[in-house]
């Protein structure tokens, strides 16, 4: 008489286990790829806005100078925008260890201690248009101006500093 086993093998076969492990691995790879792909695409989109526009937002050094008024200083600076559409330009002025920043946009606005060179109405400060330039007066500095830097915002992305001036002359000597 042949012995019959009362024990039946219960469990997964090797093939089924391998298929499940491969499927889990593939799912993990897809999840990681989607995350990395979205991250890379967003970074590329941000850098594309600024790419090739480094020299298109500049400080016009010919019209940038300081003027001493009593114990304070006034800065006259000129921005030029080339063949691009900048959303905003951040202007940082260093004076005696302090930095004043101004965000100039395409919409006329009032910015403390900053007016257009052609007028005195602080509510009319606006960024120059495409292929144009505008000069501004900034006041409220207690020491000589050390440097001026500008960084454009294009397509919603803050770009690197596109121009800096450190040799700022006296306006009375430029006339």
Protein backbone atom coordinates (compact mmCIF):
# COMPACT_ATOMS: atom_id res chain seq x y z
CA UNK A 1 0.00 0.00 0.00
CA UNK A 2 1.33 3.38 -0.95
CA UNK A 3 1.67 6.06 1.62
CA UNK A 4 -0.31 9.18 0.91
CA UNK A 5 0.64 12.43 2.40
CA UNK A 6 -1.95 14.33 4.28
CA UNK A 7 0.12 17.45 4.06
CA UNK A 8 -0.45 19.66 1.02
CA UNK A 9 2.02 22.32 0.10
CA UNK A 10 0.54 25.71 0.74
CA UNK A 11 2.38 28.77 -0.42
CA UNK A 12 3.45 30.61 -3.53
CA UNK A 13 5.45 29.01 -6.20
CA UNK A 14 8.84 30.49 -7.10
CA UNK A 15 7.50 31.83 -10.40
CA UNK A 16 4.62 33.70 -8.77
CA UNK A 17 6.97 35.18 -6.15
CA UNK A 18 9.38 36.35 -8.84
CA UNK A 19 6.57 37.98 -10.84
CA UNK A 20 5.33 39.85 -7.76
CA UNK A 21 8.84 41.10 -6.91
CA UNK A 22 9.40 42.27 -10.50
CA UNK A 23 6.03 44.07 -10.48
CA UNK A 24 6.84 45.81 -7.17
CA UNK A 25 10.25 46.83 -8.48
CA UNK A 26 8.73 48.24 -11.66
CA UNK A 27 6.14 50.19 -9.64
CA UNK A 28 8.90 51.68 -7.45
CA UNK A 29 10.91 52.67 -10.53
CA UNK A 30 7.87 54.37 -12.08
CA UNK A 31 7.13 56.31 -8.89
CA UNK A 32 10.76 57.51 -8.56
CA UNK A 33 10.88 58.41 -12.29
CA UNK A 34 7.70 60.48 -12.07
CA UNK A 35 9.04 62.40 -9.07
CA UNK A 36 12.46 63.05 -10.61
CA UNK A 37 10.98 63.89 -14.02
CA UNK A 38 8.62 66.51 -12.55
CA UNK A 39 11.44 68.02 -10.50
CA UNK A 40 13.75 68.26 -13.51
CA UNK A 41 11.02 69.73 -15.74
CA UNK A 42 10.22 72.47 -13.22
CA UNK A 43 13.91 73.38 -12.86
CA UNK A 44 14.35 73.47 -16.64
CA UNK A 45 11.29 75.71 -16.99
CA UNK A 46 12.73 78.13 -14.41
CA UNK A 47 16.13 78.26 -16.06
CA UNK A 48 14.71 78.64 -19.59
CA UNK A 49 13.17 81.98 -18.62
CA UNK A 50 16.59 83.43 -17.83
CA UNK A 51 18.67 81.56 -20.39
CA UNK A 52 20.19 83.88 -22.99
CA UNK A 53 18.95 87.04 -21.26
CA UNK A 54 22.02 87.79 -19.14
CA UNK A 55 23.09 90.91 -21.06
CA UNK A 56 19.62 92.21 -21.87
CA UNK A 57 18.93 94.03 -18.59
CA UNK A 58 21.75 96.46 -17.84
CA UNK A 59 22.70 99.52 -15.82
CA UNK A 60 23.52 102.41 -18.13
CA UNK A 61 26.78 103.51 -16.54
CA UNK A 62 26.80 106.78 -18.48
CA UNK A 63 23.72 108.00 -16.57
CA UNK A 64 24.53 106.48 -13.17
CA UNK A 65 26.08 108.76 -10.55
CA UNK A 66 25.65 110.09 -7.02
CA UNK A 67 24.98 113.56 -5.72
CA UNK A 68 25.71 114.84 -2.23
CA UNK A 69 22.86 116.88 -0.77
CA UNK A 70 23.78 118.23 2.65
CA UNK A 71 24.74 115.25 4.80
CA UNK A 72 22.91 112.74 2.58
CA UNK A 73 23.45 111.23 -0.84
CA UNK A 74 21.17 110.75 -3.80
CA UNK A 75 21.74 108.12 -6.48
CA UNK A 76 20.80 108.58 -10.13
CA UNK A 77 20.77 105.31 -12.01
CA UNK A 78 19.57 104.26 -15.41
CA UNK A 79 18.19 100.86 -16.45
CA UNK A 80 18.19 99.60 -20.04
CA UNK A 81 16.14 96.63 -21.17
CA UNK A 82 16.92 94.94 -24.48
CA UNK A 83 14.77 92.73 -26.67
CA UNK A 84 13.03 90.86 -23.82
CA UNK A 85 9.96 91.26 -21.66
CA UNK A 86 11.07 91.54 -18.02
CA UNK A 87 8.36 91.21 -15.35
CA UNK A 88 10.35 93.02 -12.67
CA UNK A 89 13.87 94.18 -11.89
CA UNK A 90 15.30 94.07 -8.39
CA UNK A 91 17.76 96.91 -7.82
CA UNK A 92 20.10 96.59 -4.81
CA UNK A 93 22.04 99.66 -3.72
CA UNK A 94 24.90 99.27 -1.24
CA UNK A 95 25.85 102.33 0.81
CA UNK A 96 28.02 102.32 3.91
CA UNK A 97 27.35 98.67 4.74
CA UNK A 98 23.59 98.98 4.24
CA UNK A 99 21.68 97.62 1.27
CA UNK A 100 18.45 99.16 -0.03
CA UNK A 101 16.46 97.08 -2.50
CA UNK A 102 13.79 98.28 -4.89
CA UNK A 103 11.51 96.04 -6.95
CA UNK A 104 10.49 97.92 -10.09
CA UNK A 105 7.61 96.38 -12.05
CA UNK A 106 5.74 96.96 -15.32
CA UNK A 107 2.93 98.60 -13.37
CA UNK A 108 3.32 102.19 -12.16
CA UNK A 109 3.68 102.17 -8.41
CA UNK A 110 4.93 104.11 -5.43
CA UNK A 111 8.30 102.97 -4.04
CA UNK A 112 9.72 104.64 -0.93
CA UNK A 113 12.72 106.89 -1.68
CA UNK A 114 12.56 106.18 -5.44
CA UNK A 115 11.16 108.40 -8.20
CA UNK A 116 11.52 108.63 -11.95
CA UNK A 117 14.25 111.06 -12.97
CA UNK A 118 11.81 113.03 -15.11
CA UNK A 119 9.36 113.66 -12.29
CA UNK A 120 8.81 113.85 -8.58
CA UNK A 121 5.60 111.79 -8.33
CA UNK A 122 6.56 108.62 -6.43
CA UNK A 123 3.43 106.83 -7.71
CA UNK A 124 4.77 106.72 -11.27
CA UNK A 125 7.80 104.43 -10.83
CA UNK A 126 7.72 101.92 -13.68
CA UNK A 127 10.12 99.60 -15.47
CA UNK A 128 11.32 100.56 -18.96
CA UNK A 129 9.67 98.72 -21.80
CA UNK A 130 11.28 96.44 -24.35
CA UNK A 131 14.32 98.05 -26.06
CA UNK A 132 14.11 101.12 -23.81
CA UNK A 133 15.79 102.79 -20.88
CA UNK A 134 14.66 104.84 -17.89
CA UNK A 135 16.56 106.86 -15.28
CA UNK A 136 15.58 106.97 -11.59
CA UNK A 137 16.51 108.98 -8.49
CA UNK A 138 16.97 107.13 -5.20
CA UNK A 139 17.31 109.09 -1.97
CA UNK A 140 17.87 108.44 1.72
CA UNK A 141 21.52 107.38 1.78
CA UNK A 142 23.66 108.61 4.67
CA UNK A 143 26.96 107.68 3.02
CA UNK A 144 28.47 107.46 -0.45
CA UNK A 145 27.02 104.79 -2.75
CA UNK A 146 29.33 101.75 -2.98
CA UNK A 147 27.60 99.65 -5.64
CA UNK A 148 24.42 99.01 -7.60
CA UNK A 149 23.30 95.54 -8.73
CA UNK A 150 20.30 94.49 -10.76
CA UNK A 151 18.60 91.12 -11.16
CA UNK A 152 15.65 90.69 -13.53
CA UNK A 153 12.59 88.52 -12.98
CA UNK A 154 11.58 86.99 -16.31
CA UNK A 155 8.67 84.62 -16.74
CA UNK A 156 8.18 84.57 -12.97
CA UNK A 157 11.75 83.35 -12.35
CA UNK A 158 14.38 85.36 -10.51
CA UNK A 159 17.47 85.40 -12.71
CA UNK A 160 21.06 85.90 -11.61
CA UNK A 161 22.51 89.38 -11.20
CA UNK A 162 22.73 90.73 -14.75
CA UNK A 163 24.81 93.85 -14.10
CA UNK A 164 26.80 95.52 -11.32
CA UNK A 165 28.46 98.89 -11.08
CA UNK A 166 31.01 99.68 -8.37
CA UNK A 167 32.71 102.78 -9.79
CA UNK A 168 30.01 105.40 -9.30
CA UNK A 169 31.01 108.94 -10.11
CA UNK A 170 29.86 112.27 -8.77
CA UNK A 171 27.04 113.71 -10.93
CA UNK A 172 28.55 117.20 -10.77
CA UNK A 173 31.69 115.90 -12.51
CA UNK A 174 29.72 114.21 -15.31
CA UNK A 175 28.03 117.36 -16.57
